[in-house]
Amino acid sequence: MNKDEKKISFEEDIGKKASWIKKWRKKGILWETVIIVGAIGWMVALPMVIGGYLGGYLDKNVETDMGGTSWTISLIVLGLFIALYSVWKVFIYKK
């Protein structure tokens, strides 16, 4: 393959990739996907972080008779269940 053939092949390859990107941009698929992934990230992270902070506060300031119960772990797991439910309700169970 000589230089000119490589150049034409390279230009065709770039043209194919550019048309694919233009199609995605035209449809809005790229930004729609980014927005959905970001929303799911916040919906999962926020309840777990709030549960962690609240559990840490309860572990430091509230004494319980159960002894080794960790409020932090319990509330992080509760936050995970709340997050999974909210993602399911918003994105999967569309009624």
N, C-alpha and C. Protein backbone atom coordinates (compact mmCIF):
# COMPACT_ATOMS: atom_id res chain seq x y z
N MET A 1 0.85 -1.17 0.00
CA MET A 1 0.00 0.00 0.00
C MET A 1 0.90 1.23 0.00
N ASN A 2 0.69 2.13 -0.95
CA ASN A 2 1.53 3.32 -1.01
C ASN A 2 0.93 4.43 -0.16
N LYS A 3 1.61 5.59 -0.18
CA LYS A 3 1.22 6.70 0.67
C LYS A 3 -0.17 7.23 0.36
N ASP A 4 -0.49 7.35 -0.93
CA ASP A 4 -1.78 7.90 -1.32
C ASP A 4 -2.93 6.97 -0.91
N GLU A 5 -2.72 5.67 -1.04
CA GLU A 5 -3.76 4.72 -0.64
C GLU A 5 -3.98 4.74 0.86
N LYS A 6 -2.89 4.89 1.63
CA LYS A 6 -3.01 4.97 3.08
C LYS A 6 -3.75 6.24 3.47
N LYS A 7 -3.47 7.33 2.78
CA LYS A 7 -4.12 8.61 3.08
C LYS A 7 -5.62 8.51 2.80
N ILE A 8 -6.00 7.91 1.67
CA ILE A 8 -7.40 7.76 1.32
C ILE A 8 -8.10 6.85 2.33
N SER A 9 -7.44 5.77 2.70
CA SER A 9 -8.00 4.85 3.69
C SER A 9 -8.20 5.55 5.03
N PHE A 10 -7.22 6.35 5.43
CA PHE A 10 -7.31 7.08 6.68
C PHE A 10 -8.47 8.08 6.63
N GLU A 11 -8.61 8.80 5.52
CA GLU A 11 -9.68 9.78 5.38
C GLU A 11 -11.05 9.10 5.40
N GLU A 12 -11.16 7.94 4.77
CA GLU A 12 -12.43 7.20 4.79
C GLU A 12 -12.78 6.75 6.21
N ASP A 13 -11.77 6.29 6.93
CA ASP A 13 -11.98 5.85 8.31
C ASP A 13 -12.45 7.01 9.18
N ILE A 14 -11.79 8.16 9.04
CA ILE A 14 -12.18 9.34 9.81
C ILE A 14 -13.59 9.78 9.41
N GLY A 15 -13.89 9.71 8.12
CA GLY A 15 -15.23 10.07 7.64
C GLY A 15 -16.31 9.20 8.24
N LYS A 16 -16.05 7.91 8.33
CA LYS A 16 -17.03 6.99 8.92
C LYS A 16 -17.25 7.31 10.39
N LYS A 17 -16.15 7.56 11.12
CA LYS A 17 -16.28 7.89 12.55
C LYS A 17 -16.98 9.22 12.75
N ALA A 18 -16.68 10.19 11.89
CA ALA A 18 -17.33 11.50 12.01
C ALA A 18 -18.82 11.40 11.73
N SER A 19 -19.22 10.59 10.75
CA SER A 19 -20.65 10.45 10.46
C SER A 19 -21.37 9.76 11.62
N TRP A 20 -20.71 8.82 12.26
CA TRP A 20 -21.29 8.14 13.43
C TRP A 20 -21.51 9.14 14.56
N ILE A 21 -20.53 10.00 14.81
CA ILE A 21 -20.64 11.01 15.87
C ILE A 21 -21.73 12.02 15.52
N LYS A 22 -21.80 12.44 14.26
CA LYS A 22 -22.84 13.38 13.84
C LYS A 22 -24.23 12.79 14.05
N LYS A 23 -24.39 11.50 13.75
CA LYS A 23 -25.68 10.85 13.94
C LYS A 23 -26.05 10.83 15.42
N TRP A 24 -25.10 10.54 16.28
CA TRP A 24 -25.36 10.54 17.72
C TRP A 24 -25.72 11.93 18.20
N ARG A 25 -24.99 12.92 17.74
CA ARG A 25 -25.27 14.29 18.16
C ARG A 25 -26.64 14.74 17.66
N LYS A 26 -26.98 14.36 16.45
CA LYS A 26 -28.27 14.76 15.88
C LYS A 26 -29.41 14.16 16.69
N LYS A 27 -29.28 12.92 17.06
CA LYS A 27 -30.32 12.25 17.82
C LYS A 27 -30.31 12.66 19.29
N GLY A 28 -29.22 13.21 19.79
CA GLY A 28 -29.13 13.57 21.20
C GLY A 28 -28.86 12.39 22.10
N ILE A 29 -28.45 11.28 21.52
CA ILE A 29 -28.26 10.06 22.30
C ILE A 29 -27.11 10.21 23.29
N LEU A 30 -26.06 10.87 22.88
CA LEU A 30 -24.89 11.00 23.74
C LEU A 30 -25.23 11.75 25.02
N TRP A 31 -25.82 12.93 24.88
CA TRP A 31 -26.11 13.71 26.07
C TRP A 31 -27.23 13.10 26.90
N GLU A 32 -28.16 12.48 26.24
CA GLU A 32 -29.23 11.80 26.97
C GLU A 32 -28.66 10.69 27.83
N THR A 33 -27.70 9.95 27.28
CA THR A 33 -27.07 8.86 28.03
C THR A 33 -26.26 9.42 29.20
N VAL A 34 -25.53 10.50 28.96
CA VAL A 34 -24.74 11.12 30.03
C VAL A 34 -25.64 11.61 31.15
N ILE A 35 -26.76 12.20 30.80
CA ILE A 35 -27.70 12.70 31.81
C ILE A 35 -28.29 11.54 32.62
N ILE A 36 -28.66 10.47 31.95
CA ILE A 36 -29.25 9.33 32.65
C ILE A 36 -28.24 8.69 33.60
N VAL A 37 -27.00 8.51 33.12
CA VAL A 37 -25.97 7.91 33.97
C VAL A 37 -25.69 8.82 35.18
N GLY A 38 -25.64 10.11 34.94
CA GLY A 38 -25.42 11.05 36.05
C GLY A 38 -26.55 11.02 37.06
N ALA A 39 -27.78 10.96 36.58
CA ALA A 39 -28.93 10.90 37.48
C ALA A 39 -28.92 9.63 38.31
N ILE A 40 -28.61 8.51 37.66
CA ILE A 40 -28.54 7.25 38.41
C ILE A 40 -27.42 7.32 39.45
N GLY A 41 -26.29 7.91 39.07
CA GLY A 41 -25.18 8.05 40.02
C GLY A 41 -25.58 8.83 41.25
N TRP A 42 -26.26 9.96 41.04
CA TRP A 42 -26.70 10.77 42.18
C TRP A 42 -27.77 10.04 42.99
N MET A 43 -28.66 9.34 42.30
CA MET A 43 -29.73 8.64 43.00
C MET A 43 -29.19 7.50 43.86
N VAL A 44 -28.06 6.94 43.49
CA VAL A 44 -27.47 5.86 44.27
C VAL A 44 -26.56 6.42 45.36
N ALA A 45 -25.74 7.40 45.00
CA ALA A 45 -24.73 7.90 45.93
C ALA A 45 -25.33 8.71 47.08
N LEU A 46 -26.28 9.56 46.78
CA LEU A 46 -26.79 10.48 47.79
C LEU A 46 -27.43 9.78 49.00
N PRO A 47 -28.35 8.83 48.82
CA PRO A 47 -28.90 8.17 50.01
C PRO A 47 -27.86 7.41 50.83
N MET A 48 -26.87 6.82 50.14
CA MET A 48 -25.84 6.09 50.87
C MET A 48 -24.94 7.04 51.67
N VAL A 49 -24.59 8.17 51.09
CA VAL A 49 -23.75 9.14 51.80
C VAL A 49 -24.51 9.73 52.98
N ILE A 50 -25.77 10.08 52.77
CA ILE A 50 -26.57 10.61 53.88
C ILE A 50 -26.70 9.57 54.98
N GLY A 51 -26.93 8.32 54.61
CA GLY A 51 -27.00 7.25 55.61
C GLY A 51 -25.69 7.08 56.36
N GLY A 52 -24.57 7.21 55.65
CA GLY A 52 -23.27 7.10 56.30
C GLY A 52 -23.02 8.21 57.31
N TYR A 53 -23.33 9.43 56.91
CA TYR A 53 -23.14 10.55 57.84
C TYR A 53 -24.08 10.47 59.04
N LEU A 54 -25.34 10.15 58.78
CA LEU A 54 -26.29 10.03 59.88
C LEU A 54 -25.91 8.87 60.80
N GLY A 55 -25.49 7.76 60.23
CA GLY A 55 -25.06 6.61 61.04
C GLY A 55 -23.82 6.92 61.86
N GLY A 56 -22.87 7.64 61.27
CA GLY A 56 -21.68 8.05 62.03
C GLY A 56 -22.04 8.96 63.20
N TYR A 57 -22.97 9.87 62.96
CA TYR A 57 -23.43 10.75 64.04
C TYR A 57 -24.09 9.94 65.15
N LEU A 58 -24.95 8.99 64.77
CA LEU A 58 -25.63 8.17 65.78
C LEU A 58 -24.64 7.28 66.53
N ASP A 59 -23.64 6.74 65.84
CA ASP A 59 -22.63 5.91 66.51
C ASP A 59 -21.86 6.70 67.55
N LYS A 60 -21.58 7.96 67.29
CA LYS A 60 -20.81 8.78 68.23
C LYS A 60 -21.64 9.30 69.39
N ASN A 61 -22.92 9.60 69.14
CA ASN A 61 -23.70 10.34 70.13
C ASN A 61 -24.79 9.55 70.83
N VAL A 62 -25.13 8.38 70.35
CA VAL A 62 -26.23 7.62 70.95
C VAL A 62 -25.70 6.29 71.45
N GLU A 63 -25.94 6.03 72.73
CA GLU A 63 -25.53 4.75 73.29
C GLU A 63 -26.71 3.78 73.23
N THR A 64 -26.43 2.57 72.82
CA THR A 64 -27.50 1.57 72.75
C THR A 64 -27.16 0.40 73.65
N ASP A 65 -28.19 -0.34 74.03
CA ASP A 65 -28.00 -1.52 74.88
C ASP A 65 -27.50 -2.71 74.06
N MET A 66 -27.59 -2.63 72.73
CA MET A 66 -27.21 -3.76 71.88
C MET A 66 -25.69 -3.88 71.75
N GLY A 67 -24.97 -2.91 72.13
CA GLY A 67 -23.52 -3.00 72.13
C GLY A 67 -22.89 -2.74 70.78
N GLY A 68 -22.62 -3.80 70.02
CA GLY A 68 -21.82 -3.67 68.82
C GLY A 68 -22.58 -3.30 67.56
N THR A 69 -23.83 -2.86 67.68
CA THR A 69 -24.59 -2.50 66.49
C THR A 69 -23.99 -1.25 65.87
N SER A 70 -23.73 -1.34 64.59
CA SER A 70 -23.19 -0.19 63.88
C SER A 70 -24.30 0.49 63.10
N TRP A 71 -24.63 1.71 63.51
CA TRP A 71 -25.63 2.48 62.79
C TRP A 71 -25.13 2.88 61.42
N THR A 72 -23.84 3.09 61.29
CA THR A 72 -23.28 3.53 60.02
C THR A 72 -23.52 2.49 58.93
N ILE A 73 -23.14 1.27 59.20
CA ILE A 73 -23.32 0.21 58.21
C ILE A 73 -24.81 -0.02 57.94
N SER A 74 -25.61 -0.02 58.98
CA SER A 74 -27.04 -0.24 58.81
C SER A 74 -27.69 0.82 57.93
N LEU A 75 -27.34 2.08 58.16
CA LEU A 75 -27.96 3.15 57.40
C LEU A 75 -27.39 3.26 55.98
N ILE A 76 -26.15 2.86 55.78
CA ILE A 76 -25.62 2.80 54.41
C ILE A 76 -26.36 1.74 53.61
N VAL A 77 -26.61 0.58 54.22
CA VAL A 77 -27.36 -0.48 53.54
C VAL A 77 -28.80 -0.02 53.29
N LEU A 78 -29.41 0.65 54.25
CA LEU A 78 -30.75 1.19 54.06
C LEU A 78 -30.75 2.21 52.91
N GLY A 79 -29.73 3.06 52.86
CA GLY A 79 -29.60 4.01 51.76
C GLY A 79 -29.46 3.32 50.42
N LEU A 80 -28.74 2.19 50.39
CA LEU A 80 -28.60 1.42 49.16
C LEU A 80 -29.95 0.89 48.70
N PHE A 81 -30.74 0.35 49.63
CA PHE A 81 -32.06 -0.16 49.26
C PHE A 81 -32.97 0.97 48.78
N ILE A 82 -32.91 2.12 49.44
CA ILE A 82 -33.70 3.27 48.99
C ILE A 82 -33.26 3.70 47.60
N ALA A 83 -31.96 3.70 47.36
CA ALA A 83 -31.43 4.10 46.06
C ALA A 83 -31.86 3.14 44.96
N LEU A 84 -31.75 1.85 45.22
CA LEU A 84 -32.16 0.87 44.22
C LEU A 84 -33.65 0.96 43.93
N TYR A 85 -34.45 1.17 44.96
CA TYR A 85 -35.88 1.33 44.76
C TYR A 85 -36.19 2.57 43.92
N SER A 86 -35.52 3.68 44.22
CA SER A 86 -35.80 4.90 43.47
C SER A 86 -35.36 4.79 42.02
N VAL A 87 -34.23 4.14 41.76
CA VAL A 87 -33.80 3.92 40.37
C VAL A 87 -34.79 3.01 39.66
N TRP A 88 -35.23 1.97 40.32
CA TRP A 88 -36.22 1.08 39.73
C TRP A 88 -37.51 1.83 39.43
N LYS A 89 -37.96 2.63 40.37
CA LYS A 89 -39.22 3.35 40.22
C LYS A 89 -39.16 4.37 39.09
N VAL A 90 -38.05 5.08 38.95
CA VAL A 90 -37.95 6.14 37.97
C VAL A 90 -37.62 5.61 36.57
N PHE A 91 -36.68 4.68 36.46
CA PHE A 91 -36.18 4.30 35.15
C PHE A 91 -36.72 2.97 34.61
N ILE A 92 -37.10 2.05 35.48
CA ILE A 92 -37.51 0.74 35.02
C ILE A 92 -39.03 0.59 35.07
N TYR A 93 -39.63 0.94 36.18
CA TYR A 93 -41.06 0.79 36.36
C TYR A 93 -41.74 2.09 35.93
N LYS A 94 -41.96 2.23 34.65
CA LYS A 94 -42.59 3.45 34.11
C LYS A 94 -44.06 3.15 33.87
N LYS A 95 -44.89 3.64 34.77
CA LYS A 95 -46.32 3.39 34.64
C LYS A 95 -47.07 4.68 34.66
